[in-house]
Amino acid sequence: MENKIVIICATVLMLAGCASTETQYYWGGYEELVYKTHHTPAEVPPSVQIEKLRADIDMAEASGKPVPPGIYAHLGLMYAADGKKELALQSLIKEKELFPESTVFIDGIIQRSITNS
């Protein structure tokens, strides 16, 4: 009898974990923006992307969830494309702070996109 209770409890807990649609990060429109960036780039010039990324970052802060990996790097690249080197550098550094595993990659972006242009 005790084994049945343990099995039932374990099954309920497992199914409850699988049923969750909650994500770790606040994604907002980031995934759609990345898609449009590659498939219809004329629809999303750097200024539009900056606006959308800033809005997603603000919404993430308001919701209390972290932004996903890459969002500050993407923002930094858009600032660089828009000629705003200081904002680009700040965003890329923020990406490294939030996701230290990206340091080598981001340092390469900084060297190629910010310091050499």
PDB file of N, CA and C in Angstrom:
ATOM      1  N   MET A   1       0.823  -1.196   0.000  1.00  0.00           N
ATOM      2  CA  MET A   1       0.000   0.000   0.000  1.00  0.00           C
ATOM      3  C   MET A   1       0.864   1.255   0.000  1.00  0.00           C
ATOM      4  N   GLU A   2       1.942   1.269   0.812  1.00  0.00           N
ATOM      5  CA  GLU A   2       2.820   2.423   0.858  1.00  0.00           C
ATOM      6  C   GLU A   2       3.519   2.653  -0.476  1.00  0.00           C
ATOM      7  N   ASN A   3       3.865   1.558  -1.150  1.00  0.00           N
ATOM      8  CA  ASN A   3       4.508   1.693  -2.464  1.00  0.00           C
ATOM      9  C   ASN A   3       3.584   2.367  -3.464  1.00  0.00           C
ATOM     10  N   LYS A   4       2.295   2.052  -3.421  1.00  0.00           N
ATOM     11  CA  LYS A   4       1.337   2.664  -4.336  1.00  0.00           C
ATOM     12  C   LYS A   4       1.248   4.169  -4.088  1.00  0.00           C
ATOM     13  N   ILE A   5       1.247   4.559  -2.825  1.00  0.00           N
ATOM     14  CA  ILE A   5       1.168   5.992  -2.485  1.00  0.00           C
ATOM     15  C   ILE A   5       2.410   6.722  -2.994  1.00  0.00           C
ATOM     16  N   VAL A   6       3.578   6.112  -2.802  1.00  0.00           N
ATOM     17  CA  VAL A   6       4.823   6.721  -3.258  1.00  0.00           C
ATOM     18  C   VAL A   6       4.816   6.846  -4.786  1.00  0.00           C
ATOM     19  N   ILE A   7       4.375   5.820  -5.468  1.00  0.00           N
ATOM     20  CA  ILE A   7       4.321   5.838  -6.934  1.00  0.00           C
ATOM     21  C   ILE A   7       3.334   6.893  -7.421  1.00  0.00           C
ATOM     22  N   ILE A   8       2.181   6.978  -6.790  1.00  0.00           N
ATOM     23  CA  ILE A   8       1.180   7.979  -7.173  1.00  0.00           C
ATOM     24  C   ILE A   8       1.719   9.389  -6.951  1.00  0.00           C
ATOM     25  N   CYS A   9       2.344   9.629  -5.806  1.00  0.00           N
ATOM     26  CA  CYS A   9       2.918  10.957  -5.516  1.00  0.00           C
ATOM     27  C   CYS A   9       4.018  11.311  -6.513  1.00  0.00           C
ATOM     28  N   ALA A  10       4.882  10.364  -6.803  1.00  0.00           N
ATOM     29  CA  ALA A  10       5.971  10.608  -7.754  1.00  0.00           C
ATOM     30  C   ALA A  10       5.418  10.909  -9.140  1.00  0.00           C
ATOM     31  N   THR A  11       4.380  10.192  -9.543  1.00  0.00           N
ATOM     32  CA  THR A  11       3.758  10.415 -10.850  1.00  0.00           C
ATOM     33  C   THR A  11       3.116  11.786 -10.925  1.00  0.00           C
ATOM     34  N   VAL A  12       2.411  12.170  -9.869  1.00  0.00           N
ATOM     35  CA  VAL A  12       1.767  13.490  -9.841  1.00  0.00           C
ATOM     36  C   VAL A  12       2.816  14.592  -9.916  1.00  0.00           C
ATOM     37  N   LEU A  13       3.890  14.464  -9.154  1.00  0.00           N
ATOM     38  CA  LEU A  13       4.946  15.466  -9.183  1.00  0.00           C
ATOM     39  C   LEU A  13       5.618  15.546 -10.551  1.00  0.00           C
ATOM     40  N   MET A  14       5.848  14.409 -11.156  1.00  0.00           N
ATOM     41  CA  MET A  14       6.478  14.380 -12.467  1.00  0.00           C
ATOM     42  C   MET A  14       5.579  15.037 -13.521  1.00  0.00           C
ATOM     43  N   LEU A  15       4.296  14.720 -13.489  1.00  0.00           N
ATOM     44  CA  LEU A  15       3.365  15.311 -14.452  1.00  0.00           C
ATOM     45  C   LEU A  15       3.190  16.802 -14.217  1.00  0.00           C
ATOM     46  N   ALA A  16       3.214  17.217 -12.978  1.00  0.00           N
ATOM     47  CA  ALA A  16       3.089  18.649 -12.684  1.00  0.00           C
ATOM     48  C   ALA A  16       4.297  19.406 -13.239  1.00  0.00           C
ATOM     49  N   GLY A  17       5.471  18.813 -13.155  1.00  0.00           N
ATOM     50  CA  GLY A  17       6.670  19.442 -13.700  1.00  0.00           C
ATOM     51  C   GLY A  17       6.632  19.518 -15.209  1.00  0.00           C
ATOM     52  N   CYS A  18       6.073  18.527 -15.848  1.00  0.00           N
ATOM     53  CA  CYS A  18       5.984  18.514 -17.306  1.00  0.00           C
ATOM     54  C   CYS A  18       4.925  19.481 -17.818  1.00  0.00           C
ATOM     55  N   ALA A  19       3.937  19.781 -17.032  1.00  0.00           N
ATOM     56  CA  ALA A  19       2.832  20.614 -17.477  1.00  0.00           C
ATOM     57  C   ALA A  19       3.152  22.101 -17.436  1.00  0.00           C
ATOM     58  N   SER A  20       4.243  22.476 -16.848  1.00  0.00           N
ATOM     59  CA  SER A  20       4.582  23.883 -16.702  1.00  0.00           C
ATOM     60  C   SER A  20       4.965  24.506 -18.034  1.00  0.00           C
ATOM     61  N   THR A  21       4.424  25.679 -18.311  1.00  0.00           N
ATOM     62  CA  THR A  21       4.797  26.416 -19.513  1.00  0.00           C
ATOM     63  C   THR A  21       5.649  27.638 -19.128  1.00  0.00           C
ATOM     64  N   GLU A  22       5.967  27.752 -17.881  1.00  0.00           N
ATOM     65  CA  GLU A  22       6.768  28.860 -17.369  1.00  0.00           C
ATOM     66  C   GLU A  22       8.204  28.723 -17.878  1.00  0.00           C
ATOM     67  N   THR A  23       8.770  29.824 -18.346  1.00  0.00           N
ATOM     68  CA  THR A  23      10.144  29.794 -18.813  1.00  0.00           C
ATOM     69  C   THR A  23      11.039  30.540 -17.819  1.00  0.00           C
ATOM     70  N   GLN A  24      12.307  30.260 -17.887  1.00  0.00           N
ATOM     71  CA  GLN A  24      13.268  30.869 -16.977  1.00  0.00           C
ATOM     72  C   GLN A  24      13.463  32.348 -17.302  1.00  0.00           C
ATOM     73  N   TYR A  25      13.412  32.693 -18.584  1.00  0.00           N
ATOM     74  CA  TYR A  25      13.700  34.052 -19.025  1.00  0.00           C
ATOM     75  C   TYR A  25      12.445  34.734 -19.553  1.00  0.00           C
ATOM     76  N   TYR A  26      12.505  36.060 -19.589  1.00  0.00           N
ATOM     77  CA  TYR A  26      11.450  36.825 -20.256  1.00  0.00           C
ATOM     78  C   TYR A  26      11.891  37.005 -21.711  1.00  0.00           C
ATOM     79  N   TRP A  27      11.208  36.323 -22.618  1.00  0.00           N
ATOM     80  CA  TRP A  27      11.606  36.351 -24.026  1.00  0.00           C
ATOM     81  C   TRP A  27      10.929  37.485 -24.794  1.00  0.00           C
ATOM     82  N   GLY A  28       9.731  37.873 -24.393  1.00  0.00           N
ATOM     83  CA  GLY A  28       9.028  38.939 -25.107  1.00  0.00           C
ATOM     84  C   GLY A  28       8.991  38.668 -26.596  1.00  0.00           C
ATOM     85  N   GLY A  29       9.348  39.651 -27.398  1.00  0.00           N
ATOM     86  CA  GLY A  29       9.352  39.496 -28.846  1.00  0.00           C
ATOM     87  C   GLY A  29      10.726  39.205 -29.420  1.00  0.00           C
ATOM     88  N   TYR A  30      11.674  38.812 -28.553  1.00  0.00           N
ATOM     89  CA  TYR A  30      13.059  38.627 -28.990  1.00  0.00           C
ATOM     90  C   TYR A  30      13.204  37.555 -30.070  1.00  0.00           C
ATOM     91  N   GLU A  31      12.571  36.419 -29.887  1.00  0.00           N
ATOM     92  CA  GLU A  31      12.698  35.343 -30.868  1.00  0.00           C
ATOM     93  C   GLU A  31      12.147  35.771 -32.232  1.00  0.00           C
ATOM     94  N   GLU A  32      11.018  36.449 -32.219  1.00  0.00           N
ATOM     95  CA  GLU A  32      10.434  36.937 -33.474  1.00  0.00           C
ATOM     96  C   GLU A  32      11.353  37.976 -34.125  1.00  0.00           C
ATOM     97  N   LEU A  33      11.950  38.834 -33.318  1.00  0.00           N
ATOM     98  CA  LEU A  33      12.861  39.850 -33.837  1.00  0.00           C
ATOM     99  C   LEU A  33      14.077  39.207 -34.505  1.00  0.00           C
ATOM    100  N   VAL A  34      14.636  38.193 -33.872  1.00  0.00           N
ATOM    101  CA  VAL A  34      15.785  37.493 -34.454  1.00  0.00           C
ATOM    102  C   VAL A  34      15.376  36.856 -35.779  1.00  0.00           C
ATOM    103  N   TYR A  35      14.205  36.263 -35.825  1.00  0.00           N
ATOM    104  CA  TYR A  35      13.699  35.660 -37.058  1.00  0.00           C
ATOM    105  C   TYR A  35      13.587  36.715 -38.159  1.00  0.00           C
ATOM    106  N   LYS A  36      12.953  37.845 -37.842  1.00  0.00           N
ATOM    107  CA  LYS A  36      12.785  38.906 -38.837  1.00  0.00           C
ATOM    108  C   LYS A  36      14.126  39.475 -39.278  1.00  0.00           C
ATOM    109  N   THR A  37      15.068  39.565 -38.357  1.00  0.00           N
ATOM    110  CA  THR A  37      16.395  40.092 -38.675  1.00  0.00           C
ATOM    111  C   THR A  37      17.036  39.296 -39.803  1.00  0.00           C
ATOM    112  N   HIS A  38      16.806  37.990 -39.823  1.00  0.00           N
ATOM    113  CA  HIS A  38      17.430  37.130 -40.823  1.00  0.00           C
ATOM    114  C   HIS A  38      16.560  36.936 -42.067  1.00  0.00           C
ATOM    115  N   HIS A  39      15.250  37.002 -41.917  1.00  0.00           N
ATOM    116  CA  HIS A  39      14.368  36.698 -43.050  1.00  0.00           C
ATOM    117  C   HIS A  39      13.809  37.924 -43.754  1.00  0.00           C
ATOM    118  N   THR A  40      13.592  38.996 -43.031  1.00  0.00           N
ATOM    119  CA  THR A  40      13.085  40.229 -43.636  1.00  0.00           C
ATOM    120  C   THR A  40      13.801  41.420 -43.008  1.00  0.00           C
ATOM    121  N   PRO A  41      15.108  41.522 -43.232  1.00  0.00           N
ATOM    122  CA  PRO A  41      15.894  42.555 -42.544  1.00  0.00           C
ATOM    123  C   PRO A  41      15.441  43.984 -42.845  1.00  0.00           C
ATOM    124  N   ALA A  42      14.865  44.232 -43.996  1.00  0.00           N
ATOM    125  CA  ALA A  42      14.422  45.591 -44.321  1.00  0.00           C
ATOM    126  C   ALA A  42      13.319  46.069 -43.383  1.00  0.00           C
ATOM    127  N   GLU A  43      12.579  45.126 -42.796  1.00  0.00           N
ATOM    128  CA  GLU A  43      11.486  45.474 -41.877  1.00  0.00           C
ATOM    129  C   GLU A  43      11.998  45.902 -40.500  1.00  0.00           C
ATOM    130  N   VAL A  44      13.237  45.540 -40.178  1.00  0.00           N
ATOM    131  CA  VAL A  44      13.748  45.807 -38.839  1.00  0.00           C
ATOM    132  C   VAL A  44      15.151  46.421 -38.881  1.00  0.00           C
ATOM    133  N   PRO A  45      15.247  47.673 -39.294  1.00  0.00           N
ATOM    134  CA  PRO A  45      16.561  48.328 -39.277  1.00  0.00           C
ATOM    135  C   PRO A  45      17.049  48.460 -37.833  1.00  0.00           C
ATOM    136  N   PRO A  46      18.335  48.777 -37.644  1.00  0.00           N
ATOM    137  CA  PRO A  46      18.880  48.862 -36.284  1.00  0.00           C
ATOM    138  C   PRO A  46      18.059  49.714 -35.325  1.00  0.00           C
ATOM    139  N   SER A  47      17.551  50.851 -35.769  1.00  0.00           N
ATOM    140  CA  SER A  47      16.787  51.719 -34.862  1.00  0.00           C
ATOM    141  C   SER A  47      15.524  51.026 -34.347  1.00  0.00           C
ATOM    142  N   VAL A  48      14.856  50.264 -35.207  1.00  0.00           N
ATOM    143  CA  VAL A  48      13.652  49.528 -34.796  1.00  0.00           C
ATOM    144  C   VAL A  48      14.034  48.403 -33.841  1.00  0.00           C
ATOM    145  N   GLN A  49      15.131  47.712 -34.146  1.00  0.00           N
ATOM    146  CA  GLN A  49      15.574  46.627 -33.271  1.00  0.00           C
ATOM    147  C   GLN A  49      15.949  47.159 -31.894  1.00  0.00           C
ATOM    148  N   ILE A  50      16.634  48.290 -31.856  1.00  0.00           N
ATOM    149  CA  ILE A  50      17.006  48.890 -30.569  1.00  0.00           C
ATOM    150  C   ILE A  50      15.756  49.173 -29.753  1.00  0.00           C
ATOM    151  N   GLU A  51      14.759  49.750 -30.389  1.00  0.00           N
ATOM    152  CA  GLU A  51      13.508  50.073 -29.699  1.00  0.00           C
ATOM    153  C   GLU A  51      12.841  48.813 -29.150  1.00  0.00           C
ATOM    154  N   LYS A  52      12.772  47.769 -29.968  1.00  0.00           N
ATOM    155  CA  LYS A  52      12.125  46.522 -29.546  1.00  0.00           C
ATOM    156  C   LYS A  52      12.921  45.826 -28.435  1.00  0.00           C
ATOM    157  N   LEU A  53      14.234  45.819 -28.565  1.00  0.00           N
ATOM    158  CA  LEU A  53      15.067  45.185 -27.544  1.00  0.00           C
ATOM    159  C   LEU A  53      14.971  45.933 -26.219  1.00  0.00           C
ATOM    160  N   ARG A  54      15.021  47.252 -26.261  1.00  0.00           N
ATOM    161  CA  ARG A  54      14.884  48.047 -25.035  1.00  0.00           C
ATOM    162  C   ARG A  54      13.528  47.784 -24.380  1.00  0.00           C
ATOM    163  N   ALA A  55      12.470  47.683 -25.186  1.00  0.00           N
ATOM    164  CA  ALA A  55      11.132  47.411 -24.649  1.00  0.00           C
ATOM    165  C   ALA A  55      11.098  46.039 -23.962  1.00  0.00           C
ATOM    166  N   ASP A  56      11.716  45.030 -24.584  1.00  0.00           N
ATOM    167  CA  ASP A  56      11.752  43.700 -23.973  1.00  0.00           C
ATOM    168  C   ASP A  56      12.555  43.709 -22.675  1.00  0.00           C
ATOM    169  N   ILE A  57      13.658  44.437 -22.650  1.00  0.00           N
ATOM    170  CA  ILE A  57      14.471  44.518 -21.434  1.00  0.00           C
ATOM    171  C   ILE A  57      13.664  45.189 -20.320  1.00  0.00           C
ATOM    172  N   ASP A  58      12.954  46.264 -20.659  1.00  0.00           N
ATOM    173  CA  ASP A  58      12.123  46.948 -19.665  1.00  0.00           C
ATOM    174  C   ASP A  58      11.010  46.038 -19.149  1.00  0.00           C
ATOM    175  N   MET A  59      10.396  45.282 -20.043  1.00  0.00           N
ATOM    176  CA  MET A  59       9.323  44.361 -19.628  1.00  0.00           C
ATOM    177  C   MET A  59       9.880  43.227 -18.762  1.00  0.00           C
ATOM    178  N   ALA A  60      11.064  42.766 -19.072  1.00  0.00           N
ATOM    179  CA  ALA A  60      11.690  41.716 -18.255  1.00  0.00           C
ATOM    180  C   ALA A  60      11.914  42.222 -16.838  1.00  0.00           C
ATOM    181  N   GLU A  61      12.431  43.444 -16.733  1.00  0.00           N
ATOM    182  CA  GLU A  61      12.656  44.024 -15.411  1.00  0.00           C
ATOM    183  C   GLU A  61      11.339  44.179 -14.659  1.00  0.00           C
ATOM    184  N   ALA A  62      10.295  44.617 -15.357  1.00  0.00           N
ATOM    185  CA  ALA A  62       8.986  44.799 -14.721  1.00  0.00           C
ATOM    186  C   ALA A  62       8.391  43.470 -14.265  1.00  0.00           C
ATOM    187  N   SER A  63       8.665  42.403 -15.005  1.00  0.00           N
ATOM    188  CA  SER A  63       8.113  41.093 -14.650  1.00  0.00           C
ATOM    189  C   SER A  63       8.954  40.370 -13.605  1.00  0.00           C
ATOM    190  N   GLY A  64      10.159  40.886 -13.347  1.00  0.00           N
ATOM    191  CA  GLY A  64      11.026  40.240 -12.373  1.00  0.00           C
ATOM    192  C   GLY A  64      11.767  39.033 -12.924  1.00  0.00           C
ATOM    193  N   LYS A  65      11.742  38.859 -14.241  1.00  0.00           N
ATOM    194  CA  LYS A  65      12.447  37.742 -14.866  1.00  0.00           C
ATOM    195  C   LYS A  65      13.692  38.255 -15.573  1.00  0.00           C
ATOM    196  N   PRO A  66      14.718  37.427 -15.653  1.00  0.00           N
ATOM    197  CA  PRO A  66      15.927  37.848 -16.367  1.00  0.00           C
ATOM    198  C   PRO A  66      15.715  37.827 -17.883  1.00  0.00           C
ATOM    199  N   VAL A  67      16.522  38.621 -18.578  1.00  0.00           N
ATOM    200  CA  VAL A  67      16.492  38.593 -20.040  1.00  0.00           C
ATOM    201  C   VAL A  67      17.220  37.344 -20.517  1.00  0.00           C
ATOM    202  N   PRO A  68      16.917  36.892 -21.721  1.00  0.00           N
ATOM    203  CA  PRO A  68      17.594  35.696 -22.229  1.00  0.00           C
ATOM    204  C   PRO A  68      19.021  35.991 -22.675  1.00  0.00           C
ATOM    205  N   PRO A  69      19.833  34.957 -22.748  1.00  0.00           N
ATOM    206  CA  PRO A  69      21.190  35.143 -23.259  1.00  0.00           C
ATOM    207  C   PRO A  69      21.139  35.703 -24.671  1.00  0.00           C
ATOM    208  N   GLY A  70      22.025  36.640 -24.953  1.00  0.00           N
ATOM    209  CA  GLY A  70      22.128  37.188 -26.294  1.00  0.00           C
ATOM    210  C   GLY A  70      21.429  38.506 -26.507  1.00  0.00           C
ATOM    211  N   ILE A  71      20.475  38.855 -25.660  1.00  0.00           N
ATOM    212  CA  ILE A  71      19.692  40.065 -25.920  1.00  0.00           C
ATOM    213  C   ILE A  71      20.556  41.325 -25.801  1.00  0.00           C
ATOM    214  N   TYR A  72      21.448  41.389 -24.810  1.00  0.00           N
ATOM    215  CA  TYR A  72      22.310  42.559 -24.688  1.00  0.00           C
ATOM    216  C   TYR A  72      23.385  42.558 -25.775  1.00  0.00           C
ATOM    217  N   ALA A  73      23.842  41.390 -26.196  1.00  0.00           N
ATOM    218  CA  ALA A  73      24.800  41.325 -27.300  1.00  0.00           C
ATOM    219  C   ALA A  73      24.144  41.831 -28.580  1.00  0.00           C
ATOM    220  N   HIS A  74      22.931  41.391 -28.817  1.00  0.00           N
ATOM    221  CA  HIS A  74      22.181  41.834 -29.994  1.00  0.00           C
ATOM    222  C   HIS A  74      21.988  43.353 -29.937  1.00  0.00           C
ATOM    223  N   LEU A  75      21.591  43.856 -28.771  1.00  0.00           N
ATOM    224  CA  LEU A  75      21.405  45.293 -28.597  1.00  0.00           C
ATOM    225  C   LEU A  75      22.718  46.036 -28.867  1.00  0.00           C
ATOM    226  N   GLY A  76      23.810  45.501 -28.366  1.00  0.00           N
ATOM    227  CA  GLY A  76      25.115  46.121 -28.594  1.00  0.00           C
ATOM    228  C   GLY A  76      25.474  46.188 -30.068  1.00  0.00           C
ATOM    229  N   LEU A  77      25.207  45.119 -30.787  1.00  0.00           N
ATOM    230  CA  LEU A  77      25.486  45.122 -32.223  1.00  0.00           C
ATOM    231  C   LEU A  77      24.616  46.131 -32.959  1.00  0.00           C
ATOM    232  N   MET A  78      23.381  46.289 -32.529  1.00  0.00           N
ATOM    233  CA  MET A  78      22.497  47.265 -33.177  1.00  0.00           C
ATOM    234  C   MET A  78      22.928  48.692 -32.864  1.00  0.00           C
ATOM    235  N   TYR A  79      23.370  48.936 -31.630  1.00  0.00           N
ATOM    236  CA  TYR A  79      23.915  50.251 -31.307  1.00  0.00           C
ATOM    237  C   TYR A  79      25.153  50.531 -32.171  1.00  0.00           C
ATOM    238  N   ALA A  80      26.014  49.540 -32.339  1.00  0.00           N
ATOM    239  CA  ALA A  80      27.214  49.716 -33.166  1.00  0.00           C
ATOM    240  C   ALA A  80      26.825  50.012 -34.610  1.00  0.00           C
ATOM    241  N   ALA A  81      25.834  49.290 -35.120  1.00  0.00           N
ATOM    242  CA  ALA A  81      25.375  49.517 -36.492  1.00  0.00           C
ATOM    243  C   ALA A  81      24.765  50.904 -36.649  1.00  0.00           C
ATOM    244  N   ASP A  82      24.236  51.431 -35.568  1.00  0.00           N
ATOM    245  CA  ASP A  82      23.611  52.756 -35.578  1.00  0.00           C
ATOM    246  C   ASP A  82      24.627  53.862 -35.240  1.00  0.00           C
ATOM    247  N   GLY A  83      25.902  53.475 -35.071  1.00  0.00           N
ATOM    248  CA  GLY A  83      26.956  54.451 -34.808  1.00  0.00           C
ATOM    249  C   GLY A  83      27.075  54.904 -33.371  1.00  0.00           C
ATOM    250  N   LYS A  84      26.435  54.204 -32.453  1.00  0.00           N
ATOM    251  CA  LYS A  84      26.456  54.579 -31.034  1.00  0.00           C
ATOM    252  C   LYS A  84      27.409  53.647 -30.284  1.00  0.00           C
ATOM    253  N   LYS A  85      28.717  53.914 -30.455  1.00  0.00           N
ATOM    254  CA  LYS A  85      29.739  53.008 -29.929  1.00  0.00           C
ATOM    255  C   LYS A  85      29.711  52.873 -28.407  1.00  0.00           C
ATOM    256  N   GLU A  86      29.506  53.963 -27.691  1.00  0.00           N
ATOM    257  CA  GLU A  86      29.523  53.903 -26.225  1.00  0.00           C
ATOM    258  C   GLU A  86      28.366  53.032 -25.710  1.00  0.00           C
ATOM    259  N   LEU A  87      27.178  53.208 -26.270  1.00  0.00           N
ATOM    260  CA  LEU A  87      26.029  52.377 -25.875  1.00  0.00           C
ATOM    261  C   LEU A  87      26.259  50.926 -26.286  1.00  0.00           C
ATOM    262  N   ALA A  88      26.895  50.730 -27.436  1.00  0.00           N
ATOM    263  CA  ALA A  88      27.208  49.371 -27.889  1.00  0.00           C
ATOM    264  C   ALA A  88      28.126  48.688 -26.882  1.00  0.00           C
ATOM    265  N   LEU A  89      29.170  49.386 -26.485  1.00  0.00           N
ATOM    266  CA  LEU A  89      30.119  48.822 -25.527  1.00  0.00           C
ATOM    267  C   LEU A  89      29.450  48.514 -24.190  1.00  0.00           C
ATOM    268  N   GLN A  90      28.614  49.431 -23.716  1.00  0.00           N
ATOM    269  CA  GLN A  90      27.893  49.199 -22.453  1.00  0.00           C
ATOM    270  C   GLN A  90      27.025  47.952 -22.539  1.00  0.00           C
ATOM    271  N   SER A  91      26.325  47.774 -23.645  1.00  0.00           N
ATOM    272  CA  SER A  91      25.447  46.612 -23.806  1.00  0.00           C
ATOM    273  C   SER A  91      26.242  45.317 -23.876  1.00  0.00           C
ATOM    274  N   LEU A  92      27.346  45.330 -24.597  1.00  0.00           N
ATOM    275  CA  LEU A  92      28.169  44.124 -24.705  1.00  0.00           C
ATOM    276  C   LEU A  92      28.792  43.755 -23.361  1.00  0.00           C
ATOM    277  N   ILE A  93      29.207  44.743 -22.603  1.00  0.00           N
ATOM    278  CA  ILE A  93      29.741  44.476 -21.261  1.00  0.00           C
ATOM    279  C   ILE A  93      28.641  43.903 -20.360  1.00  0.00           C
ATOM    280  N   LYS A  94      27.437  44.419 -20.484  1.00  0.00           N
ATOM    281  CA  LYS A  94      26.298  43.904 -19.701  1.00  0.00           C
ATOM    282  C   LYS A  94      26.049  42.435 -20.038  1.00  0.00           C
ATOM    283  N   GLU A  95      26.161  42.073 -21.316  1.00  0.00           N
ATOM    284  CA  GLU A  95      26.000  40.663 -21.720  1.00  0.00           C
ATOM    285  C   GLU A  95      27.032  39.789 -21.014  1.00  0.00           C
ATOM    286  N   LYS A  96      28.278  40.268 -20.957  1.00  0.00           N
ATOM    287  CA  LYS A  96      29.333  39.497 -20.281  1.00  0.00           C
ATOM    288  C   LYS A  96      29.054  39.370 -18.790  1.00  0.00           C
ATOM    289  N   GLU A  97      28.536  40.431 -18.177  1.00  0.00           N
ATOM    290  CA  GLU A  97      28.232  40.387 -16.743  1.00  0.00           C
ATOM    291  C   GLU A  97      27.130  39.366 -16.450  1.00  0.00           C
ATOM    292  N   LEU A  98      26.101  39.365 -17.275  1.00  0.00           N
ATOM    293  CA  LEU A  98      24.971  38.453 -17.047  1.00  0.00           C
ATOM    294  C   LEU A  98      25.294  37.017 -17.432  1.00  0.00           C
ATOM    295  N   PHE A  99      26.114  36.851 -18.453  1.00  0.00           N
ATOM    296  CA  PHE A  99      26.433  35.518 -18.968  1.00  0.00           C
ATOM    297  C   PHE A  99      27.943  35.403 -19.166  1.00  0.00           C
ATOM    298  N   PRO A 100      28.686  35.204 -18.065  1.00  0.00           N
ATOM    299  CA  PRO A 100      30.151  35.188 -18.144  1.00  0.00           C
ATOM    300  C   PRO A 100      30.705  34.128 -19.097  1.00  0.00           C
ATOM    301  N   GLU A 101      29.926  33.109 -19.379  1.00  0.00           N
ATOM    302  CA  GLU A 101      30.383  32.077 -20.305  1.00  0.00           C
ATOM    303  C   GLU A 101      30.525  32.625 -21.733  1.00  0.00           C
ATOM    304  N   SER A 102      29.970  33.809 -21.978  1.00  0.00           N
ATOM    305  CA  SER A 102      30.054  34.415 -23.302  1.00  0.00           C
ATOM    306  C   SER A 102      31.240  35.373 -23.444  1.00  0.00           C
ATOM    307  N   THR A 103      32.079  35.466 -22.429  1.00  0.00           N
ATOM    308  CA  THR A 103      33.145  36.467 -22.395  1.00  0.00           C
ATOM    309  C   THR A 103      34.053  36.430 -23.624  1.00  0.00           C
ATOM    310  N   VAL A 104      34.544  35.271 -23.997  1.00  0.00           N
ATOM    311  CA  VAL A 104      35.463  35.182 -25.137  1.00  0.00           C
ATOM    312  C   VAL A 104      34.768  35.644 -26.412  1.00  0.00           C
ATOM    313  N   PHE A 105      33.545  35.205 -26.604  1.00  0.00           N
ATOM    314  CA  PHE A 105      32.774  35.590 -27.785  1.00  0.00           C
ATOM    315  C   PHE A 105      32.529  37.098 -27.806  1.00  0.00           C
ATOM    316  N   ILE A 106      32.081  37.641 -26.692  1.00  0.00           N
ATOM    317  CA  ILE A 106      31.768  39.071 -26.617  1.00  0.00           C
ATOM    318  C   ILE A 106      33.034  39.914 -26.756  1.00  0.00           C
ATOM    319  N   ASP A 107      34.130  39.473 -26.160  1.00  0.00           N
ATOM    320  CA  ASP A 107      35.393  40.200 -26.319  1.00  0.00           C
ATOM    321  C   ASP A 107      35.785  40.273 -27.795  1.00  0.00           C
ATOM    322  N   GLY A 108      35.542  39.211 -28.540  1.00  0.00           N
ATOM    323  CA  GLY A 108      35.817  39.209 -29.974  1.00  0.00           C
ATOM    324  C   GLY A 108      34.934  40.204 -30.710  1.00  0.00           C
ATOM    325  N   ILE A 109      33.665  40.264 -30.328  1.00  0.00           N
ATOM    326  CA  ILE A 109      32.749  41.233 -30.939  1.00  0.00           C
ATOM    327  C   ILE A 109      33.211  42.649 -30.648  1.00  0.00           C
ATOM    328  N   ILE A 110      33.584  42.890 -29.405  1.00  0.00           N
ATOM    329  CA  ILE A 110      34.054  44.228 -29.029  1.00  0.00           C
ATOM    330  C   ILE A 110      35.274  44.603 -29.861  1.00  0.00           C
ATOM    331  N   GLN A 111      36.194  43.696 -29.997  1.00  0.00           N
ATOM    332  CA  GLN A 111      37.408  43.989 -30.750  1.00  0.00           C
ATOM    333  C   GLN A 111      37.087  44.264 -32.218  1.00  0.00           C
ATOM    334  N   ARG A 112      36.223  43.477 -32.830  1.00  0.00           N
ATOM    335  CA  ARG A 112      35.914  43.633 -34.254  1.00  0.00           C
ATOM    336  C   ARG A 112      34.940  44.770 -34.536  1.00  0.00           C
ATOM    337  N   SER A 113      33.946  44.946 -33.671  1.00  0.00           N
ATOM    338  CA  SER A 113      32.864  45.888 -33.973  1.00  0.00           C
ATOM    339  C   SER A 113      33.023  47.261 -33.353  1.00  0.00           C
ATOM    340  N   ILE A 114      33.701  47.344 -32.241  1.00  0.00           N
ATOM    341  CA  ILE A 114      33.767  48.611 -31.519  1.00  0.00           C
ATOM    342  C   ILE A 114      35.138  49.259 -31.657  1.00  0.00           C
ATOM    343  N   THR A 115      36.175  48.524 -31.356  1.00  0.00           N
ATOM    344  CA  THR A 115      37.503  49.136 -31.318  1.00  0.00           C
ATOM    345  C   THR A 115      38.144  49.259 -32.698  1.00  0.00           C
ATOM    346  N   ASN A 116      37.722  48.468 -33.666  1.00  0.00           N
ATOM    347  CA  ASN A 116      38.335  48.526 -35.003  1.00  0.00           C
ATOM    348  C   ASN A 116      37.518  49.301 -36.021  1.00  0.00           C
ATOM    349  N   SER A 117      36.430  49.912 -35.608  1.00  0.00           N
ATOM    350  CA  SER A 117      35.633  50.614 -36.615  1.00  0.00           C
ATOM    351  C   SER A 117      35.695  52.104 -36.438  1.00  0.00           C
TER     352      SER A 117
END
